[in-house]
Amino acid sequence: MANQYEVLGKAPGPEDLKKLSPKDVHLTIKGLNAGYGKMEILHNFDLSVSKAQSLCLIGPNGAGKSTILHSIYGFTNIFSGKIEIDGKEITNLTPAEKLNSVGIAYILQDNSVFPDMTVEENLLMGGYIKDKQDEAYEEAERIFKKYERLRNRRNQPAKVLSGGERRLLEISRALVMKPSILLVDEPSIGLEPRYINMVFEILTELQKNEKKTIIMVEQNAKKGLEFADIGYVLVSGQTAIAGKGDDLLKNPDVGRLFLGG
């Protein structure tokens, strides 16, 4: 498997990555070695993303894409390296501390709604985690005002929702926590094309209008790179190529390996 990726050439260094996120840097990862148990999956990994910028991570299965999100959120063993938000080191904070102190929310790829709870109860779960009930109710009302699909199902159990509506509920529940950074794992997985478009429209709106910083893993490389400002191509726990999303879409090596071109 490794041989087919050797053509990707010299890996980008920290300075190359900074050029893609030159202003108002929000989150940086420096020389991160991380994994699960004693197994190291990320090797000397660097990342830089600016405020209200979107970054899509693509690459083959097992390349370490989700491990990056897990490491930022606090689900991995970190052997060495640093994770910083606005220059403040957060490497060893717990997920709850990261949510409360620096506003990181994680939208999981699995179906994580509570099927027998109502749509409204699901939304308010975001507030229980932050322990700010009043804020959660206000934010839930704002979301119902914004998304008619959820408003119409407000008092119905979440199990009646379509796949796309469930994904919208998962994203909205994260928004109740009022995060500044959204970690989004495989937003299109298992969805019909029309719902995939809806989910990406919502993420675009969150980035452009609400100035959220978005770091995404997306198996549908074409869709992810069309959405994202910048993209990293991961191979074996390291970044093999980094560039603007549009440039990676035109890159023949990326096209051949990941875009079916």
C-alpha atoms as a PDB file:
ATOM      1  CA  MET A   1       0.000   0.000   0.000  1.00  0.00           C
ATOM      2  CA  ALA A   2       2.792   2.435   0.896  1.00  0.00           C
ATOM      3  CA  ASN A   3       4.381   2.275  -2.563  1.00  0.00           C
ATOM      4  CA  GLN A   4       1.464   3.839  -4.357  1.00  0.00           C
ATOM      5  CA  TYR A   5       1.812   6.945  -2.171  1.00  0.00           C
ATOM      6  CA  GLU A   6       5.558   7.417  -2.620  1.00  0.00           C
ATOM      7  CA  VAL A   7       4.966   9.646  -5.648  1.00  0.00           C
ATOM      8  CA  LEU A   8       3.444  12.247  -3.345  1.00  0.00           C
ATOM      9  CA  GLY A   9       6.954  13.647  -2.827  1.00  0.00           C
ATOM     10  CA  LYS A  10       8.425  15.733  -0.040  1.00  0.00           C
ATOM     11  CA  ALA A  11       6.124  16.215   2.930  1.00  0.00           C
ATOM     12  CA  PRO A  12       5.213  19.804   3.907  1.00  0.00           C
ATOM     13  CA  GLY A  13       6.930  21.187   7.013  1.00  0.00           C
ATOM     14  CA  PRO A  14       5.496  23.497   9.726  1.00  0.00           C
ATOM     15  CA  GLU A  15       6.439  26.615   7.719  1.00  0.00           C
ATOM     16  CA  ASP A  16       4.555  25.335   4.655  1.00  0.00           C
ATOM     17  CA  LEU A  17       1.483  24.704   6.808  1.00  0.00           C
ATOM     18  CA  LYS A  18       1.656  28.194   8.348  1.00  0.00           C
ATOM     19  CA  LYS A  19       1.525  29.731   4.865  1.00  0.00           C
ATOM     20  CA  LEU A  20      -1.899  28.130   4.394  1.00  0.00           C
ATOM     21  CA  SER A  21      -3.150  29.651   7.683  1.00  0.00           C
ATOM     22  CA  PRO A  22      -1.156  32.884   7.896  1.00  0.00           C
ATOM     23  CA  LYS A  23      -3.512  35.095   9.929  1.00  0.00           C
ATOM     24  CA  ASP A  24      -5.236  34.831  13.281  1.00  0.00           C
ATOM     25  CA  VAL A  25      -4.085  31.255  13.967  1.00  0.00           C
ATOM     26  CA  HIS A  26      -6.634  29.483  16.143  1.00  0.00           C
ATOM     27  CA  LEU A  27      -5.302  25.959  16.642  1.00  0.00           C
ATOM     28  CA  THR A  28      -1.817  24.546  16.196  1.00  0.00           C
ATOM     29  CA  ILE A  29      -0.375  21.081  16.651  1.00  0.00           C
ATOM     30  CA  LYS A  30       3.407  20.810  16.991  1.00  0.00           C
ATOM     31  CA  GLY A  31       5.388  17.584  16.623  1.00  0.00           C
ATOM     32  CA  LEU A  32       2.573  15.376  17.888  1.00  0.00           C
ATOM     33  CA  ASN A  33       3.186  11.676  18.489  1.00  0.00           C
ATOM     34  CA  ALA A  34      -0.091  10.084  19.588  1.00  0.00           C
ATOM     35  CA  GLY A  35      -2.117   6.894  19.430  1.00  0.00           C
ATOM     36  CA  TYR A  36      -3.983   4.332  21.504  1.00  0.00           C
ATOM     37  CA  GLY A  37      -2.454   2.256  24.302  1.00  0.00           C
ATOM     38  CA  LYS A  38       1.199   1.870  23.321  1.00  0.00           C
ATOM     39  CA  MET A  39       0.515   2.044  19.579  1.00  0.00           C
ATOM     40  CA  GLU A  40       1.696   5.278  17.980  1.00  0.00           C
ATOM     41  CA  ILE A  41      -0.400   6.321  14.973  1.00  0.00           C
ATOM     42  CA  LEU A  42       0.566   9.986  14.453  1.00  0.00           C
ATOM     43  CA  HIS A  43       4.277  10.636  13.927  1.00  0.00           C
ATOM     44  CA  ASN A  44       5.693  14.120  14.456  1.00  0.00           C
ATOM     45  CA  PHE A  45       2.436  15.589  13.160  1.00  0.00           C
ATOM     46  CA  ASP A  46       1.965  19.349  12.658  1.00  0.00           C
ATOM     47  CA  LEU A  47      -1.192  21.323  11.935  1.00  0.00           C
ATOM     48  CA  SER A  48      -2.137  24.980  11.705  1.00  0.00           C
ATOM     49  CA  VAL A  49      -5.610  26.422  11.206  1.00  0.00           C
ATOM     50  CA  SER A  50      -6.832  30.028  11.413  1.00  0.00           C
ATOM     51  CA  LYS A  51     -10.002  31.351  13.058  1.00  0.00           C
ATOM     52  CA  ALA A  52     -13.101  30.715  10.918  1.00  0.00           C
ATOM     53  CA  GLN A  53     -11.055  28.596   8.504  1.00  0.00           C
ATOM     54  CA  SER A  54     -12.037  25.075   7.430  1.00  0.00           C
ATOM     55  CA  LEU A  55      -9.571  22.208   7.108  1.00  0.00           C
ATOM     56  CA  CYS A  56     -10.391  18.822   5.572  1.00  0.00           C
ATOM     57  CA  LEU A  57      -8.257  15.751   6.323  1.00  0.00           C
ATOM     58  CA  ILE A  58      -8.289  13.087   3.617  1.00  0.00           C
ATOM     59  CA  GLY A  59      -6.315   9.902   3.037  1.00  0.00           C
ATOM     60  CA  PRO A  60      -6.596   6.116   2.989  1.00  0.00           C
ATOM     61  CA  ASN A  61      -8.192   4.142   5.831  1.00  0.00           C
ATOM     62  CA  GLY A  62      -5.813   3.821   8.759  1.00  0.00           C
ATOM     63  CA  ALA A  63      -3.839   6.966   7.849  1.00  0.00           C
ATOM     64  CA  GLY A  64      -4.637   8.597  11.212  1.00  0.00           C
ATOM     65  CA  LYS A  65      -7.311  11.113  10.191  1.00  0.00           C
ATOM     66  CA  SER A  66      -9.760  10.427  13.032  1.00  0.00           C
ATOM     67  CA  THR A  67      -6.819  10.058  15.432  1.00  0.00           C
ATOM     68  CA  ILE A  68      -6.086  13.764  14.824  1.00  0.00           C
ATOM     69  CA  LEU A  69      -9.620  14.718  15.888  1.00  0.00           C
ATOM     70  CA  HIS A  70      -9.394  12.320  18.850  1.00  0.00           C
ATOM     71  CA  SER A  71      -6.071  13.847  19.920  1.00  0.00           C
ATOM     72  CA  ILE A  72      -7.399  17.409  19.753  1.00  0.00           C
ATOM     73  CA  TYR A  73     -10.452  16.379  21.777  1.00  0.00           C
ATOM     74  CA  GLY A  74      -8.591  14.262  24.330  1.00  0.00           C
ATOM     75  CA  PHE A  75      -9.348  10.654  23.377  1.00  0.00           C
ATOM     76  CA  THR A  76      -5.796   9.450  22.662  1.00  0.00           C
ATOM     77  CA  ASN A  77      -2.504   8.827  24.441  1.00  0.00           C
ATOM     78  CA  ILE A  78      -0.167  11.674  23.606  1.00  0.00           C
ATOM     79  CA  PHE A  79       3.463  10.567  23.799  1.00  0.00           C
ATOM     80  CA  SER A  80       5.010  13.911  22.888  1.00  0.00           C
ATOM     81  CA  GLY A  81       4.229  17.192  21.167  1.00  0.00           C
ATOM     82  CA  LYS A  82       1.837  20.065  21.868  1.00  0.00           C
ATOM     83  CA  ILE A  83      -1.674  21.192  20.995  1.00  0.00           C
ATOM     84  CA  GLU A  84      -2.397  24.905  21.422  1.00  0.00           C
ATOM     85  CA  ILE A  85      -5.444  27.124  21.042  1.00  0.00           C
ATOM     86  CA  ASP A  86      -4.774  30.856  20.664  1.00  0.00           C
ATOM     87  CA  GLY A  87      -1.261  30.169  21.991  1.00  0.00           C
ATOM     88  CA  LYS A  88      -2.535  28.409  25.149  1.00  0.00           C
ATOM     89  CA  GLU A  89      -1.421  24.796  25.561  1.00  0.00           C
ATOM     90  CA  ILE A  90      -4.361  22.390  25.912  1.00  0.00           C
ATOM     91  CA  THR A  91      -2.538  19.089  25.204  1.00  0.00           C
ATOM     92  CA  ASN A  92      -3.477  17.310  28.422  1.00  0.00           C
ATOM     93  CA  LEU A  93      -6.854  18.884  29.241  1.00  0.00           C
ATOM     94  CA  THR A  94      -9.842  16.514  29.470  1.00  0.00           C
ATOM     95  CA  PRO A  95     -12.597  16.740  26.810  1.00  0.00           C
ATOM     96  CA  ALA A  96     -14.875  18.504  29.343  1.00  0.00           C
ATOM     97  CA  GLU A  97     -12.150  21.045  30.146  1.00  0.00           C
ATOM     98  CA  LYS A  98     -11.545  21.614  26.431  1.00  0.00           C
ATOM     99  CA  LEU A  99     -15.225  22.234  25.819  1.00  0.00           C
ATOM    100  CA  ASN A 100     -15.650  24.579  28.778  1.00  0.00           C
ATOM    101  CA  SER A 101     -12.393  26.522  28.644  1.00  0.00           C
ATOM    102  CA  VAL A 102     -11.596  26.759  24.933  1.00  0.00           C
ATOM    103  CA  GLY A 103     -14.829  25.770  23.193  1.00  0.00           C
ATOM    104  CA  ILE A 104     -14.062  22.549  21.303  1.00  0.00           C
ATOM    105  CA  ALA A 105     -17.040  20.385  20.293  1.00  0.00           C
ATOM    106  CA  TYR A 106     -16.832  16.998  18.575  1.00  0.00           C
ATOM    107  CA  ILE A 107     -19.503  15.733  16.158  1.00  0.00           C
ATOM    108  CA  LEU A 108     -19.040  11.965  16.005  1.00  0.00           C
ATOM    109  CA  GLN A 109     -19.418   9.898  12.847  1.00  0.00           C
ATOM    110  CA  ASP A 110     -21.667   7.326  14.551  1.00  0.00           C
ATOM    111  CA  ASN A 111     -25.327   7.972  15.014  1.00  0.00           C
ATOM    112  CA  SER A 112     -25.175   9.602  18.437  1.00  0.00           C
ATOM    113  CA  VAL A 113     -28.723  10.875  18.939  1.00  0.00           C
ATOM    114  CA  PHE A 114     -30.846   9.406  21.727  1.00  0.00           C
ATOM    115  CA  PRO A 115     -33.674   7.761  19.735  1.00  0.00           C
ATOM    116  CA  ASP A 116     -36.379   7.706  22.431  1.00  0.00           C
ATOM    117  CA  MET A 117     -35.776  11.272  23.637  1.00  0.00           C
ATOM    118  CA  THR A 118     -37.511  14.118  21.827  1.00  0.00           C
ATOM    119  CA  VAL A 119     -35.645  16.336  19.412  1.00  0.00           C
ATOM    120  CA  GLU A 120     -35.740  19.139  21.997  1.00  0.00           C
ATOM    121  CA  GLU A 121     -34.418  16.880  24.784  1.00  0.00           C
ATOM    122  CA  ASN A 122     -31.579  15.789  22.495  1.00  0.00           C
ATOM    123  CA  LEU A 123     -30.675  19.410  21.828  1.00  0.00           C
ATOM    124  CA  LEU A 124     -30.681  20.293  25.510  1.00  0.00           C
ATOM    125  CA  MET A 125     -28.212  17.477  26.261  1.00  0.00           C
ATOM    126  CA  GLY A 126     -25.572  19.861  24.943  1.00  0.00           C
ATOM    127  CA  GLY A 127     -26.403  22.226  27.789  1.00  0.00           C
ATOM    128  CA  TYR A 128     -26.203  19.510  30.455  1.00  0.00           C
ATOM    129  CA  ILE A 129     -22.627  18.869  29.456  1.00  0.00           C
ATOM    130  CA  LYS A 130     -21.775  22.553  29.902  1.00  0.00           C
ATOM    131  CA  ASP A 131     -23.929  22.907  33.016  1.00  0.00           C
ATOM    132  CA  LYS A 132     -25.475  26.151  31.742  1.00  0.00           C
ATOM    133  CA  GLN A 133     -29.180  25.411  31.421  1.00  0.00           C
ATOM    134  CA  ASP A 134     -30.413  28.933  30.617  1.00  0.00           C
ATOM    135  CA  GLU A 135     -27.901  29.328  27.811  1.00  0.00           C
ATOM    136  CA  ALA A 136     -28.876  25.923  26.458  1.00  0.00           C
ATOM    137  CA  TYR A 137     -32.594  26.849  26.295  1.00  0.00           C
ATOM    138  CA  GLU A 138     -31.781  30.139  24.530  1.00  0.00           C
ATOM    139  CA  GLU A 139     -29.509  28.401  22.052  1.00  0.00           C
ATOM    140  CA  ALA A 140     -32.086  25.645  21.427  1.00  0.00           C
ATOM    141  CA  GLU A 141     -34.728  28.278  20.638  1.00  0.00           C
ATOM    142  CA  ARG A 142     -32.344  29.966  18.212  1.00  0.00           C
ATOM    143  CA  ILE A 143     -31.739  26.623  16.475  1.00  0.00           C
ATOM    144  CA  PHE A 144     -35.483  25.882  16.214  1.00  0.00           C
ATOM    145  CA  LYS A 145     -36.010  29.333  14.704  1.00  0.00           C
ATOM    146  CA  LYS A 146     -33.291  28.650  12.166  1.00  0.00           C
ATOM    147  CA  TYR A 147     -34.046  25.043  11.148  1.00  0.00           C
ATOM    148  CA  GLU A 148     -37.680  24.366  10.314  1.00  0.00           C
ATOM    149  CA  ARG A 149     -36.955  20.634   9.892  1.00  0.00           C
ATOM    150  CA  LEU A 150     -36.109  20.368  13.593  1.00  0.00           C
ATOM    151  CA  ARG A 151     -38.779  22.824  14.722  1.00  0.00           C
ATOM    152  CA  ASN A 152     -41.521  20.737  13.116  1.00  0.00           C
ATOM    153  CA  ARG A 153     -40.308  17.631  14.997  1.00  0.00           C
ATOM    154  CA  ARG A 154     -39.508  19.387  18.260  1.00  0.00           C
ATOM    155  CA  ASN A 155     -41.700  17.190  20.493  1.00  0.00           C
ATOM    156  CA  GLN A 156     -41.301  13.951  18.549  1.00  0.00           C
ATOM    157  CA  PRO A 157     -38.802  11.200  19.433  1.00  0.00           C
ATOM    158  CA  ALA A 158     -35.536  11.505  17.509  1.00  0.00           C
ATOM    159  CA  LYS A 159     -36.035   8.029  16.012  1.00  0.00           C
ATOM    160  CA  VAL A 160     -38.591   9.482  13.547  1.00  0.00           C
ATOM    161  CA  LEU A 161     -35.929  11.672  11.904  1.00  0.00           C
ATOM    162  CA  SER A 162     -34.384  10.851   8.538  1.00  0.00           C
ATOM    163  CA  GLY A 163     -30.622  10.279   8.336  1.00  0.00           C
ATOM    164  CA  GLY A 164     -30.022  13.862   7.203  1.00  0.00           C
ATOM    165  CA  GLU A 165     -32.227  15.292   9.942  1.00  0.00           C
ATOM    166  CA  ARG A 166     -30.362  13.198  12.535  1.00  0.00           C
ATOM    167  CA  ARG A 167     -27.055  14.620  11.310  1.00  0.00           C
ATOM    168  CA  LEU A 168     -28.547  18.124  11.517  1.00  0.00           C
ATOM    169  CA  LEU A 169     -29.607  17.375  15.108  1.00  0.00           C
ATOM    170  CA  GLU A 170     -26.099  16.133  15.980  1.00  0.00           C
ATOM    171  CA  ILE A 171     -24.543  19.316  14.574  1.00  0.00           C
ATOM    172  CA  SER A 172     -27.153  21.488  16.327  1.00  0.00           C
ATOM    173  CA  ARG A 173     -26.589  19.740  19.670  1.00  0.00           C
ATOM    174  CA  ALA A 174     -22.908  20.620  19.387  1.00  0.00           C
ATOM    175  CA  LEU A 175     -23.889  24.244  18.691  1.00  0.00           C
ATOM    176  CA  VAL A 176     -25.873  24.418  21.948  1.00  0.00           C
ATOM    177  CA  MET A 177     -22.476  24.162  23.661  1.00  0.00           C
ATOM    178  CA  LYS A 178     -21.461  27.409  21.861  1.00  0.00           C
ATOM    179  CA  PRO A 179     -18.100  26.093  20.642  1.00  0.00           C
ATOM    180  CA  SER A 180     -15.559  28.064  18.633  1.00  0.00           C
ATOM    181  CA  ILE A 181     -14.038  24.933  17.057  1.00  0.00           C
ATOM    182  CA  LEU A 182     -16.063  22.091  15.530  1.00  0.00           C
ATOM    183  CA  LEU A 183     -14.396  18.725  15.000  1.00  0.00           C
ATOM    184  CA  VAL A 184     -16.533  16.916  12.424  1.00  0.00           C
ATOM    185  CA  ASP A 185     -15.959  13.219  11.735  1.00  0.00           C
ATOM    186  CA  GLU A 186     -17.325  11.925   8.399  1.00  0.00           C
ATOM    187  CA  PRO A 187     -20.365  14.237   8.061  1.00  0.00           C
ATOM    188  CA  SER A 188     -21.533  12.573   4.833  1.00  0.00           C
ATOM    189  CA  ILE A 189     -21.264   8.943   5.952  1.00  0.00           C
ATOM    190  CA  GLY A 190     -24.417   6.919   5.273  1.00  0.00           C
ATOM    191  CA  LEU A 191     -26.396   9.868   3.862  1.00  0.00           C
ATOM    192  CA  GLU A 192     -28.280  10.225   0.587  1.00  0.00           C
ATOM    193  CA  PRO A 193     -26.829  12.867  -1.800  1.00  0.00           C
ATOM    194  CA  ARG A 194     -29.509  15.487  -1.055  1.00  0.00           C
ATOM    195  CA  TYR A 195     -28.782  15.238   2.677  1.00  0.00           C
ATOM    196  CA  ILE A 196     -25.040  15.381   2.065  1.00  0.00           C
ATOM    197  CA  ASN A 197     -25.560  18.707   0.283  1.00  0.00           C
ATOM    198  CA  MET A 198     -27.743  19.967   3.131  1.00  0.00           C
ATOM    199  CA  VAL A 199     -25.137  19.074   5.761  1.00  0.00           C
ATOM    200  CA  PHE A 200     -22.349  20.822   3.835  1.00  0.00           C
ATOM    201  CA  GLU A 201     -24.542  23.901   3.326  1.00  0.00           C
ATOM    202  CA  ILE A 202     -25.084  24.050   7.098  1.00  0.00           C
ATOM    203  CA  LEU A 203     -21.346  23.673   7.801  1.00  0.00           C
ATOM    204  CA  THR A 204     -20.582  26.420   5.250  1.00  0.00           C
ATOM    205  CA  GLU A 205     -23.065  28.722   6.958  1.00  0.00           C
ATOM    206  CA  LEU A 206     -21.548  27.983  10.397  1.00  0.00           C
ATOM    207  CA  GLN A 207     -18.100  28.841   9.095  1.00  0.00           C
ATOM    208  CA  LYS A 208     -19.036  31.957   7.096  1.00  0.00           C
ATOM    209  CA  ASN A 209     -21.774  33.474   9.265  1.00  0.00           C
ATOM    210  CA  GLU A 210     -20.948  32.228  12.752  1.00  0.00           C
ATOM    211  CA  LYS A 211     -17.165  32.238  12.269  1.00  0.00           C
ATOM    212  CA  LYS A 212     -16.665  28.662  13.497  1.00  0.00           C
ATOM    213  CA  THR A 213     -13.314  27.005  12.879  1.00  0.00           C
ATOM    214  CA  ILE A 214     -13.999  23.586  11.338  1.00  0.00           C
ATOM    215  CA  ILE A 215     -11.627  20.611  11.208  1.00  0.00           C
ATOM    216  CA  MET A 216     -13.166  17.740   9.303  1.00  0.00           C
ATOM    217  CA  VAL A 217     -12.399  14.162   8.345  1.00  0.00           C
ATOM    218  CA  GLU A 218     -14.245  13.205   5.150  1.00  0.00           C
ATOM    219  CA  GLN A 219     -14.076   9.965   3.195  1.00  0.00           C
ATOM    220  CA  ASN A 220     -15.749  11.677   0.231  1.00  0.00           C
ATOM    221  CA  ALA A 221     -12.545  13.556  -0.620  1.00  0.00           C
ATOM    222  CA  LYS A 222     -14.081  15.546  -3.484  1.00  0.00           C
ATOM    223  CA  LYS A 223     -16.940  16.863  -1.347  1.00  0.00           C
ATOM    224  CA  GLY A 224     -14.624  17.629   1.584  1.00  0.00           C
ATOM    225  CA  LEU A 225     -12.099  19.533  -0.542  1.00  0.00           C
ATOM    226  CA  GLU A 226     -14.832  21.466  -2.364  1.00  0.00           C
ATOM    227  CA  PHE A 227     -16.038  22.640   1.041  1.00  0.00           C
ATOM    228  CA  ALA A 228     -12.746  23.289   2.828  1.00  0.00           C
ATOM    229  CA  ASP A 229     -10.392  26.261   2.565  1.00  0.00           C
ATOM    230  CA  ILE A 230      -7.402  23.955   3.015  1.00  0.00           C
ATOM    231  CA  GLY A 231      -6.752  20.227   2.932  1.00  0.00           C
ATOM    232  CA  TYR A 232      -4.145  17.825   4.252  1.00  0.00           C
ATOM    233  CA  VAL A 233      -3.549  14.449   2.622  1.00  0.00           C
ATOM    234  CA  LEU A 234      -2.517  11.972   5.314  1.00  0.00           C
ATOM    235  CA  VAL A 235      -0.492   8.828   4.719  1.00  0.00           C
ATOM    236  CA  SER A 236       0.719   6.586   7.590  1.00  0.00           C
ATOM    237  CA  GLY A 237       0.214   9.181  10.340  1.00  0.00           C
ATOM    238  CA  GLN A 238       1.937  12.039   8.535  1.00  0.00           C
ATOM    239  CA  THR A 239       0.912  14.798   6.124  1.00  0.00           C
ATOM    240  CA  ALA A 240       2.052  13.922   2.598  1.00  0.00           C
ATOM    241  CA  ILE A 241       0.507  16.932   0.812  1.00  0.00           C
ATOM    242  CA  ALA A 242      -1.101  20.146   2.079  1.00  0.00           C
ATOM    243  CA  GLY A 243      -2.707  22.904   0.048  1.00  0.00           C
ATOM    244  CA  LYS A 244      -5.788  24.983  -0.625  1.00  0.00           C
ATOM    245  CA  GLY A 245      -8.835  22.807  -1.154  1.00  0.00           C
ATOM    246  CA  ASP A 246      -9.224  23.975  -4.767  1.00  0.00           C
ATOM    247  CA  ASP A 247      -5.564  23.277  -5.530  1.00  0.00           C
ATOM    248  CA  LEU A 248      -5.756  19.748  -4.138  1.00  0.00           C
ATOM    249  CA  LEU A 249      -8.837  19.078  -6.284  1.00  0.00           C
ATOM    250  CA  LYS A 250      -6.714  19.922  -9.347  1.00  0.00           C
ATOM    251  CA  ASN A 251      -3.642  17.989  -8.169  1.00  0.00           C
ATOM    252  CA  PRO A 252      -3.269  14.929 -10.452  1.00  0.00           C
ATOM    253  CA  ASP A 253      -1.743  12.736  -7.700  1.00  0.00           C
ATOM    254  CA  VAL A 254      -4.596  13.531  -5.306  1.00  0.00           C
ATOM    255  CA  GLY A 255      -7.087  12.971  -8.126  1.00  0.00           C
ATOM    256  CA  ARG A 256      -5.640   9.599  -9.055  1.00  0.00           C
ATOM    257  CA  LEU A 257      -5.423   8.288  -5.502  1.00  0.00           C
ATOM    258  CA  PHE A 258      -8.461   9.807  -3.798  1.00  0.00           C
ATOM    259  CA  LEU A 259     -10.872  11.391  -6.271  1.00  0.00           C
ATOM    260  CA  GLY A 260     -11.303   8.520  -8.681  1.00  0.00           C
ATOM    261  CA  GLY A 261      -9.583  10.536 -11.428  1.00  0.00           C
END
